[in-house]
Amino acid sequence: MSAFFGAACCLGDGRLAVPARPQADRGVTLRVREVYAAALRVCGQRAGSLLLIGAVVFVPLGLVDAVPDQVVEVGGISDLSDPATFALLVAVLAQSVTVLLGEVFYSGAVALLIARTQPGERPSLLGVARSLSYGRLIAVDLLFGLGIAVGLVLLVVPGVVAFTWFALAGPLVELDGVGVGAAFAGSRRLVRGHFWTVLAVLGPITLASEALTNAALSAAHHVLGDSLLADWLGESATNIVLSPLYAVAAVLMTLQLSERLRSDRQ
């Protein structure tokens, strides 16, 4: 397992090489520490490209995320039959969805960037932009966020399960060229038997990102006041800086688990 991640990150330009796995390696399980170490190396090697793609994705989405934040901040939940309260609850749900909005799309873009860049080749961000499966990635992104939000609002546990089962759907759209339904089914298939490992990798990153985002928003509000601009800048900046680790870790696990599944079928 460590050999896989070492080889995946050994190229100077940060490209992931997916080596053939030896027969004896098939029973090895995914290790959280190795995923983190490999993801951090790739993030360091690809920092410029990852941040630039993040800016393209998360600056507009930061505004989308900031709007429900403003609605929630000025509202208060009282009588559920009150139209204003109902609107506030919708805003709360929208806020839950937009917290993860863009993560799946960004993961797909990162997967395409990493997988299609040849050794020694300068990454073509324009080429990535032209090749992205926009419709499928946006659909997966929205359904992923909505499913998690509904699950968290209802009983929490279903939201966590949905988050873990379908976290690899975005990379699969670009790596395997599959449709929306196949991406969700493929993610569930890859995660089977590795649920706790995938959750242990991506869960802390998501929680830490949310905590750091809240801290950045507090700082932005201190400087700019409780304004839409403060929320927009805070959301955008933190997503641009923090999302690469989530995306790269998701791509690494998708590559590793896909390779293992293919090996097991041989």
Protein backbone atom coordinates (compact mmCIF):
# COMPACT_ATOMS: atom_id res chain seq x y z
CA MET A 1 0.00 0.00 0.00
CA SER A 2 2.72 2.48 0.91
CA ALA A 3 4.48 1.56 -2.34
CA PHE A 4 1.36 2.51 -4.29
CA PHE A 5 1.11 5.96 -2.72
CA GLY A 6 4.84 6.49 -2.94
CA ALA A 7 4.77 5.75 -6.66
CA ALA A 8 1.67 7.86 -7.05
CA CYS A 9 3.52 10.92 -5.82
CA CYS A 10 7.04 10.30 -7.04
CA LEU A 11 6.77 12.26 -10.30
CA GLY A 12 8.30 15.68 -10.10
CA ASP A 13 5.31 17.42 -11.68
CA GLY A 14 2.90 15.90 -9.17
CA ARG A 15 1.22 13.56 -11.65
CA LEU A 16 -0.21 10.41 -10.14
CA ALA A 17 1.22 7.25 -11.65
CA VAL A 18 -0.99 4.25 -10.95
CA PRO A 19 1.26 1.20 -10.82
CA ALA A 20 0.05 -2.32 -11.28
CA ARG A 21 -0.54 -3.89 -7.94
CA PRO A 22 1.19 -7.18 -7.15
CA GLN A 23 -0.92 -10.21 -6.36
CA ALA A 24 0.13 -10.20 -2.69
CA ASP A 25 -1.09 -6.65 -2.25
CA ARG A 26 -4.76 -7.32 -2.96
CA GLY A 27 -5.73 -7.91 0.65
CA VAL A 28 -4.06 -4.77 1.98
CA THR A 29 -6.47 -2.19 3.31
CA LEU A 30 -6.42 1.56 2.77
CA ARG A 31 -4.41 3.36 5.46
CA VAL A 32 -5.46 6.80 6.64
CA ARG A 33 -1.95 8.04 7.40
CA GLU A 34 -0.65 7.05 3.97
CA VAL A 35 -3.55 8.75 2.20
CA TYR A 36 -2.92 11.96 4.14
CA ALA A 37 0.82 11.85 3.49
CA ALA A 38 0.36 11.25 -0.23
CA ALA A 39 -2.35 13.92 -0.51
CA LEU A 40 -0.15 16.51 1.21
CA ARG A 41 2.73 15.73 -1.15
CA VAL A 42 0.55 16.11 -4.22
CA CYS A 43 -0.93 19.34 -2.86
CA GLY A 44 2.58 20.71 -2.41
CA GLN A 45 3.65 19.65 -5.90
CA ARG A 46 0.50 20.98 -7.57
CA ALA A 47 -0.25 23.96 -5.35
CA GLY A 48 -0.37 26.55 -8.13
CA SER A 49 -2.76 24.63 -10.38
CA LEU A 50 -4.94 23.49 -7.49
CA LEU A 51 -5.33 27.02 -6.14
CA LEU A 52 -6.07 28.47 -9.58
CA ILE A 53 -8.76 25.88 -10.29
CA GLY A 54 -10.10 26.51 -6.79
CA ALA A 55 -10.39 30.22 -7.49
CA VAL A 56 -12.31 29.59 -10.71
CA VAL A 57 -14.71 27.22 -8.93
CA PHE A 58 -15.13 28.78 -5.51
CA VAL A 59 -15.17 32.55 -6.09
CA PRO A 60 -18.61 32.40 -7.80
CA LEU A 61 -19.77 29.63 -5.47
CA GLY A 62 -18.66 31.70 -2.49
CA LEU A 63 -21.35 34.21 -3.40
CA VAL A 64 -23.94 31.43 -3.71
CA ASP A 65 -22.90 30.17 -0.28
CA ALA A 66 -22.94 33.64 1.28
CA VAL A 67 -26.57 34.42 0.38
CA PRO A 68 -28.22 31.73 2.59
CA ASP A 69 -25.73 32.61 5.34
CA GLN A 70 -27.10 36.14 5.33
CA VAL A 71 -30.69 34.90 5.42
CA VAL A 72 -30.00 32.61 8.38
CA GLU A 73 -28.15 35.34 10.27
CA VAL A 74 -31.02 37.83 10.07
CA GLY A 75 -33.80 35.30 10.73
CA GLY A 76 -35.06 33.35 13.69
CA ILE A 77 -37.07 30.14 13.84
CA SER A 78 -40.39 30.42 15.65
CA ASP A 79 -43.74 29.16 14.38
CA LEU A 80 -43.28 26.56 11.65
CA SER A 81 -46.57 27.63 10.07
CA ASP A 82 -45.27 31.14 9.58
CA PRO A 83 -44.23 31.71 5.93
CA ALA A 84 -41.19 33.66 7.06
CA THR A 85 -40.10 30.79 9.30
CA PHE A 86 -40.64 28.32 6.48
CA ALA A 87 -38.46 30.48 4.25
CA LEU A 88 -35.82 30.50 6.97
CA LEU A 89 -35.88 26.71 7.19
CA VAL A 90 -35.42 26.54 3.43
CA ALA A 91 -32.44 28.87 3.84
CA VAL A 92 -31.00 26.60 6.54
CA LEU A 93 -31.32 23.62 4.19
CA ALA A 94 -29.78 25.64 1.39
CA GLN A 95 -26.92 26.58 3.70
CA SER A 96 -26.33 22.90 4.47
CA VAL A 97 -26.25 22.09 0.76
CA THR A 98 -23.94 24.96 -0.16
CA VAL A 99 -21.42 24.02 2.53
CA LEU A 100 -20.42 21.09 0.29
CA LEU A 101 -21.41 22.70 -3.00
CA GLY A 102 -18.46 22.71 -5.34
CA GLU A 103 -16.42 20.08 -3.49
CA VAL A 104 -17.53 17.27 -5.81
CA PHE A 105 -17.16 19.42 -8.94
CA TYR A 106 -13.71 20.51 -7.78
CA SER A 107 -12.71 16.91 -7.03
CA GLY A 108 -13.69 15.96 -10.57
CA ALA A 109 -11.63 18.81 -12.01
CA VAL A 110 -8.64 17.81 -9.89
CA ALA A 111 -9.01 14.17 -11.01
CA LEU A 112 -8.95 15.27 -14.64
CA LEU A 113 -5.94 17.53 -14.05
CA ILE A 114 -3.93 14.80 -12.35
CA ALA A 115 -4.90 11.87 -14.53
CA ARG A 116 -4.40 13.53 -17.92
CA THR A 117 -1.14 15.35 -17.34
CA GLN A 118 1.80 13.43 -18.78
CA PRO A 119 5.14 13.22 -16.93
CA GLY A 120 7.08 16.44 -17.33
CA GLU A 121 4.17 18.15 -19.05
CA ARG A 122 3.01 21.56 -17.89
CA PRO A 123 -0.66 21.24 -16.85
CA SER A 124 -3.06 22.88 -19.29
CA LEU A 125 -5.83 24.43 -17.23
CA LEU A 126 -7.60 25.51 -20.42
CA GLY A 127 -7.48 21.91 -21.61
CA VAL A 128 -8.95 20.77 -18.32
CA ALA A 129 -11.69 23.38 -18.60
CA ARG A 130 -12.56 22.23 -22.11
CA SER A 131 -12.63 18.55 -21.17
CA LEU A 132 -14.69 18.69 -17.98
CA SER A 133 -18.05 16.94 -17.93
CA TYR A 134 -19.83 20.02 -16.59
CA GLY A 135 -23.39 18.73 -16.67
CA ARG A 136 -22.63 15.44 -14.95
CA LEU A 137 -20.32 17.00 -12.35
CA ILE A 138 -22.85 19.71 -11.48
CA ALA A 139 -25.63 17.12 -11.20
CA VAL A 140 -23.52 14.88 -8.96
CA ASP A 141 -22.46 17.89 -6.88
CA LEU A 142 -26.03 19.07 -6.30
CA LEU A 143 -27.40 15.61 -5.56
CA PHE A 144 -24.50 14.85 -3.23
CA GLY A 145 -24.99 18.05 -1.24
CA LEU A 146 -28.77 17.72 -1.16
CA GLY A 147 -28.66 14.10 -0.01
CA ILE A 148 -26.26 14.91 2.80
CA ALA A 149 -28.24 17.97 3.87
CA VAL A 150 -31.52 16.04 4.03
CA GLY A 151 -29.84 13.21 5.90
CA LEU A 152 -28.30 15.57 8.45
CA VAL A 153 -31.56 17.44 8.98
CA LEU A 154 -33.49 14.20 9.52
CA LEU A 155 -31.33 11.95 11.68
CA VAL A 156 -27.67 13.01 11.17
CA VAL A 157 -26.47 9.43 10.67
CA PRO A 158 -27.98 9.06 7.16
CA GLY A 159 -26.20 12.24 6.16
CA VAL A 160 -22.85 10.88 7.36
CA VAL A 161 -23.49 7.60 5.54
CA ALA A 162 -24.38 9.40 2.31
CA PHE A 163 -21.29 11.60 2.64
CA THR A 164 -19.04 8.55 2.93
CA TRP A 165 -20.71 6.26 0.40
CA PHE A 166 -20.82 8.82 -2.40
CA ALA A 167 -17.68 10.90 -1.71
CA LEU A 168 -15.84 9.37 -4.67
CA ALA A 169 -18.56 10.02 -7.25
CA GLY A 170 -16.98 13.23 -8.56
CA PRO A 171 -13.58 11.74 -9.41
CA LEU A 172 -15.28 8.72 -11.02
CA VAL A 173 -17.15 10.99 -13.45
CA GLU A 174 -13.85 12.15 -14.91
CA LEU A 175 -11.61 9.15 -14.33
CA ASP A 176 -14.04 6.56 -15.74
CA GLY A 177 -16.25 8.80 -17.88
CA VAL A 178 -19.43 7.45 -16.30
CA GLY A 179 -22.84 9.04 -15.89
CA VAL A 180 -24.45 10.41 -12.75
CA GLY A 181 -26.12 7.21 -11.58
CA ALA A 182 -23.09 5.08 -12.40
CA ALA A 183 -20.84 7.50 -10.51
CA PHE A 184 -22.90 7.17 -7.33
CA ALA A 185 -23.12 3.39 -7.73
CA GLY A 186 -19.40 3.16 -8.44
CA SER A 187 -18.53 5.23 -5.39
CA ARG A 188 -20.68 3.01 -3.20
CA ARG A 189 -19.01 -0.06 -4.67
CA LEU A 190 -15.49 1.29 -4.04
CA VAL A 191 -16.26 2.40 -0.51
CA ARG A 192 -17.76 -0.97 0.44
CA GLY A 193 -15.37 -2.55 2.92
CA HIS A 194 -13.54 0.77 3.42
CA PHE A 195 -16.33 2.88 4.92
CA TRP A 196 -14.54 3.86 8.12
CA THR A 197 -11.27 4.59 6.35
CA VAL A 198 -12.89 6.88 3.79
CA LEU A 199 -14.81 8.62 6.57
CA ALA A 200 -11.64 8.91 8.68
CA VAL A 201 -9.86 10.61 5.78
CA LEU A 202 -12.52 12.95 4.42
CA GLY A 203 -14.59 13.56 7.56
CA PRO A 204 -11.88 15.36 9.58
CA ILE A 205 -10.89 17.42 6.53
CA THR A 206 -14.51 18.56 6.13
CA LEU A 207 -14.95 19.35 9.83
CA ALA A 208 -11.62 21.16 10.05
CA SER A 209 -12.44 23.14 6.91
CA GLU A 210 -15.79 24.15 8.37
CA ALA A 211 -14.16 25.26 11.63
CA LEU A 212 -11.50 27.26 9.80
CA THR A 213 -14.15 28.76 7.54
CA ASN A 214 -16.10 29.94 10.58
CA ALA A 215 -12.93 31.47 12.02
CA ALA A 216 -12.19 33.22 8.72
CA LEU A 217 -15.77 34.49 8.53
CA SER A 218 -15.50 35.88 12.05
CA ALA A 219 -12.33 37.71 11.07
CA ALA A 220 -13.95 39.01 7.88
CA HIS A 221 -16.98 40.21 9.84
CA HIS A 222 -14.69 41.96 12.31
CA VAL A 223 -13.07 43.89 9.47
CA LEU A 224 -15.99 44.36 7.06
CA GLY A 225 -19.00 44.00 9.37
CA ASP A 226 -21.88 41.54 8.97
CA SER A 227 -22.09 42.03 5.24
CA LEU A 228 -22.57 39.89 2.18
CA LEU A 229 -19.09 40.90 1.05
CA ALA A 230 -17.54 39.58 4.25
CA ASP A 231 -19.31 36.24 3.86
CA TRP A 232 -18.38 36.04 0.19
CA LEU A 233 -14.68 36.75 0.76
CA GLY A 234 -14.49 34.43 3.76
CA GLU A 235 -16.23 31.53 2.03
CA SER A 236 -14.26 31.91 -1.20
CA ALA A 237 -10.82 32.26 0.41
CA THR A 238 -11.18 29.31 2.75
CA ASN A 239 -12.58 27.01 0.05
CA ILE A 240 -9.76 27.91 -2.34
CA VAL A 241 -7.10 27.18 0.28
CA LEU A 242 -8.65 24.18 2.05
CA SER A 243 -10.44 22.23 -0.71
CA PRO A 244 -7.31 20.87 -2.47
CA LEU A 245 -6.55 18.47 0.39
CA TYR A 246 -10.09 17.04 0.30
CA ALA A 247 -10.08 16.73 -3.49
CA VAL A 248 -6.64 15.17 -3.80
CA ALA A 249 -7.35 12.68 -1.00
CA ALA A 250 -10.62 11.69 -2.72
CA VAL A 251 -8.84 11.23 -6.06
CA LEU A 252 -6.05 9.17 -4.49
CA MET A 253 -8.52 6.85 -2.78
CA THR A 254 -10.56 6.54 -5.98
CA LEU A 255 -7.47 5.53 -7.95
CA GLN A 256 -6.30 3.07 -5.31
CA LEU A 257 -9.66 1.43 -4.71
CA SER A 258 -10.42 1.26 -8.43
CA GLU A 259 -7.09 -0.45 -9.07
CA ARG A 260 -7.76 -2.90 -6.26
CA LEU A 261 -11.22 -3.69 -7.61
CA ARG A 262 -9.80 -4.37 -11.06
CA SER A 263 -7.11 -6.59 -9.59
CA ASP A 264 -9.61 -8.56 -7.55
CA ARG A 265 -11.64 -9.25 -10.69
CA GLN A 266 -8.69 -10.74 -12.55
